[in-house]
Amino acid sequence: MRTNIDIDDALMAEAQKVSGQPTKTQTVEKALRLMIRLRRQEEVGLAFGKYRWRINLAKSRKGRGIITNARKRDGRD
């Protein structure tokens, strides 16, 4: 989608430099993706503690000891 926006030249230059993006378009797209990802993370954080945990943690961990023991035996601990 073609959009014309007025962005401070120094801000764009710094954003391109720190992001490593070669074009202004790529820089803006990367910044928008980052903003979306951060907002989604924020939403997850706001939901913390609002939902009941219904999983049996001990049962879900069953069988993991085999991997851990193998790692210890092979010196990968």
C-alpha atoms as a PDB file:
ATOM      1  CA  MET A   1       0.000   0.000   0.000  1.00  0.00           C
ATOM      2  CA  ARG A   2       1.445   3.319  -0.991  1.00  0.00           C
ATOM      3  CA  THR A   3       1.375   5.958   1.761  1.00  0.00           C
ATOM      4  CA  ASN A   4       3.009   9.362   1.996  1.00  0.00           C
ATOM      5  CA  ILE A   5       4.165  10.351   5.473  1.00  0.00           C
ATOM      6  CA  ASP A   6       6.371  13.130   6.766  1.00  0.00           C
ATOM      7  CA  ILE A   7       9.152  11.671   8.954  1.00  0.00           C
ATOM      8  CA  ASP A   8      11.995  13.645  10.505  1.00  0.00           C
ATOM      9  CA  ASP A   9      15.110  13.013   8.385  1.00  0.00           C
ATOM     10  CA  ALA A  10      17.429  12.600  11.375  1.00  0.00           C
ATOM     11  CA  LEU A  11      15.028  10.134  13.002  1.00  0.00           C
ATOM     12  CA  MET A  12      14.785   8.077   9.818  1.00  0.00           C
ATOM     13  CA  ALA A  13      18.553   8.086   9.337  1.00  0.00           C
ATOM     14  CA  GLU A  14      19.125   6.905  12.905  1.00  0.00           C
ATOM     15  CA  ALA A  15      16.414   4.251  12.598  1.00  0.00           C
ATOM     16  CA  GLN A  16      17.967   2.948   9.377  1.00  0.00           C
ATOM     17  CA  LYS A  17      21.397   2.883  10.978  1.00  0.00           C
ATOM     18  CA  VAL A  18      20.382   0.992  14.124  1.00  0.00           C
ATOM     19  CA  SER A  19      18.018  -1.376  12.310  1.00  0.00           C
ATOM     20  CA  GLY A  20      20.455  -2.164   9.525  1.00  0.00           C
ATOM     21  CA  GLN A  21      17.713  -1.772   6.927  1.00  0.00           C
ATOM     22  CA  PRO A  22      18.916  -0.436   3.576  1.00  0.00           C
ATOM     23  CA  THR A  23      15.704   1.361   2.616  1.00  0.00           C
ATOM     24  CA  LYS A  24      13.245   3.679   4.315  1.00  0.00           C
ATOM     25  CA  THR A  25      10.380   1.344   3.429  1.00  0.00           C
ATOM     26  CA  GLN A  26      12.090  -1.631   5.066  1.00  0.00           C
ATOM     27  CA  THR A  27      12.914   0.499   8.105  1.00  0.00           C
ATOM     28  CA  VAL A  28       9.302   1.598   8.556  1.00  0.00           C
ATOM     29  CA  GLU A  29       7.989  -1.942   8.025  1.00  0.00           C
ATOM     30  CA  LYS A  30      10.421  -3.334  10.593  1.00  0.00           C
ATOM     31  CA  ALA A  31       9.431  -0.626  13.076  1.00  0.00           C
ATOM     32  CA  LEU A  32       5.740  -1.363  12.568  1.00  0.00           C
ATOM     33  CA  ARG A  33       6.291  -5.107  13.066  1.00  0.00           C
ATOM     34  CA  LEU A  34       8.248  -4.374  16.239  1.00  0.00           C
ATOM     35  CA  MET A  35       5.473  -2.135  17.572  1.00  0.00           C
ATOM     36  CA  ILE A  36       2.862  -4.817  16.881  1.00  0.00           C
ATOM     37  CA  ARG A  37       4.977  -7.500  18.572  1.00  0.00           C
ATOM     38  CA  LEU A  38       5.556  -5.312  21.637  1.00  0.00           C
ATOM     39  CA  ARG A  39       1.848  -4.496  21.956  1.00  0.00           C
ATOM     40  CA  ARG A  40       0.959  -8.192  21.746  1.00  0.00           C
ATOM     41  CA  GLN A  41       3.510  -8.967  24.446  1.00  0.00           C
ATOM     42  CA  GLU A  42       2.006  -6.217  26.565  1.00  0.00           C
ATOM     43  CA  GLU A  43      -1.453  -7.764  26.112  1.00  0.00           C
ATOM     44  CA  VAL A  44      -0.131 -11.127  27.260  1.00  0.00           C
ATOM     45  CA  GLY A  45       1.391  -9.464  30.312  1.00  0.00           C
ATOM     46  CA  LEU A  46      -1.904  -7.781  31.147  1.00  0.00           C
ATOM     47  CA  ALA A  47      -3.646 -11.167  31.015  1.00  0.00           C
ATOM     48  CA  PHE A  48      -1.202 -12.631  33.552  1.00  0.00           C
ATOM     49  CA  GLY A  49      -3.085 -14.034  36.514  1.00  0.00           C
ATOM     50  CA  LYS A  50      -6.511 -13.662  34.911  1.00  0.00           C
ATOM     51  CA  TYR A  51      -6.824 -17.281  33.777  1.00  0.00           C
ATOM     52  CA  ARG A  52      -6.947 -20.402  35.866  1.00  0.00           C
ATOM     53  CA  TRP A  53      -4.135 -22.895  35.278  1.00  0.00           C
ATOM     54  CA  ARG A  54      -5.784 -26.253  34.600  1.00  0.00           C
ATOM     55  CA  ILE A  55      -2.804 -28.392  33.717  1.00  0.00           C
ATOM     56  CA  ASN A  56      -1.295 -31.021  35.985  1.00  0.00           C
ATOM     57  CA  LEU A  57       2.296 -29.784  36.096  1.00  0.00           C
ATOM     58  CA  ALA A  58       3.691 -32.989  37.596  1.00  0.00           C
ATOM     59  CA  LYS A  59       2.042 -35.055  34.862  1.00  0.00           C
ATOM     60  CA  SER A  60       3.279 -32.739  32.101  1.00  0.00           C
ATOM     61  CA  ARG A  61       6.843 -33.083  33.401  1.00  0.00           C
ATOM     62  CA  LYS A  62       6.687 -36.882  33.381  1.00  0.00           C
ATOM     63  CA  GLY A  63       9.302 -38.353  31.073  1.00  0.00           C
ATOM     64  CA  ARG A  64      11.545 -35.298  31.069  1.00  0.00           C
ATOM     65  CA  GLY A  65      13.888 -36.986  33.539  1.00  0.00           C
ATOM     66  CA  ILE A  66      15.036 -39.379  30.823  1.00  0.00           C
ATOM     67  CA  ILE A  67      16.353 -36.511  28.728  1.00  0.00           C
ATOM     68  CA  THR A  68      17.923 -34.861  31.763  1.00  0.00           C
ATOM     69  CA  ASN A  69      19.614 -38.107  32.842  1.00  0.00           C
ATOM     70  CA  ALA A  70      20.934 -38.663  29.323  1.00  0.00           C
ATOM     71  CA  ARG A  71      22.375 -35.172  29.274  1.00  0.00           C
ATOM     72  CA  LYS A  72      24.084 -35.747  32.611  1.00  0.00           C
ATOM     73  CA  ARG A  73      25.459 -39.094  31.466  1.00  0.00           C
ATOM     74  CA  ASP A  74      26.835 -37.568  28.258  1.00  0.00           C
ATOM     75  CA  GLY A  75      28.260 -34.568  30.078  1.00  0.00           C
ATOM     76  CA  ARG A  76      25.803 -32.116  28.504  1.00  0.00           C
ATOM     77  CA  ASP A  77      24.466 -30.853  31.790  1.00  0.00           C
END
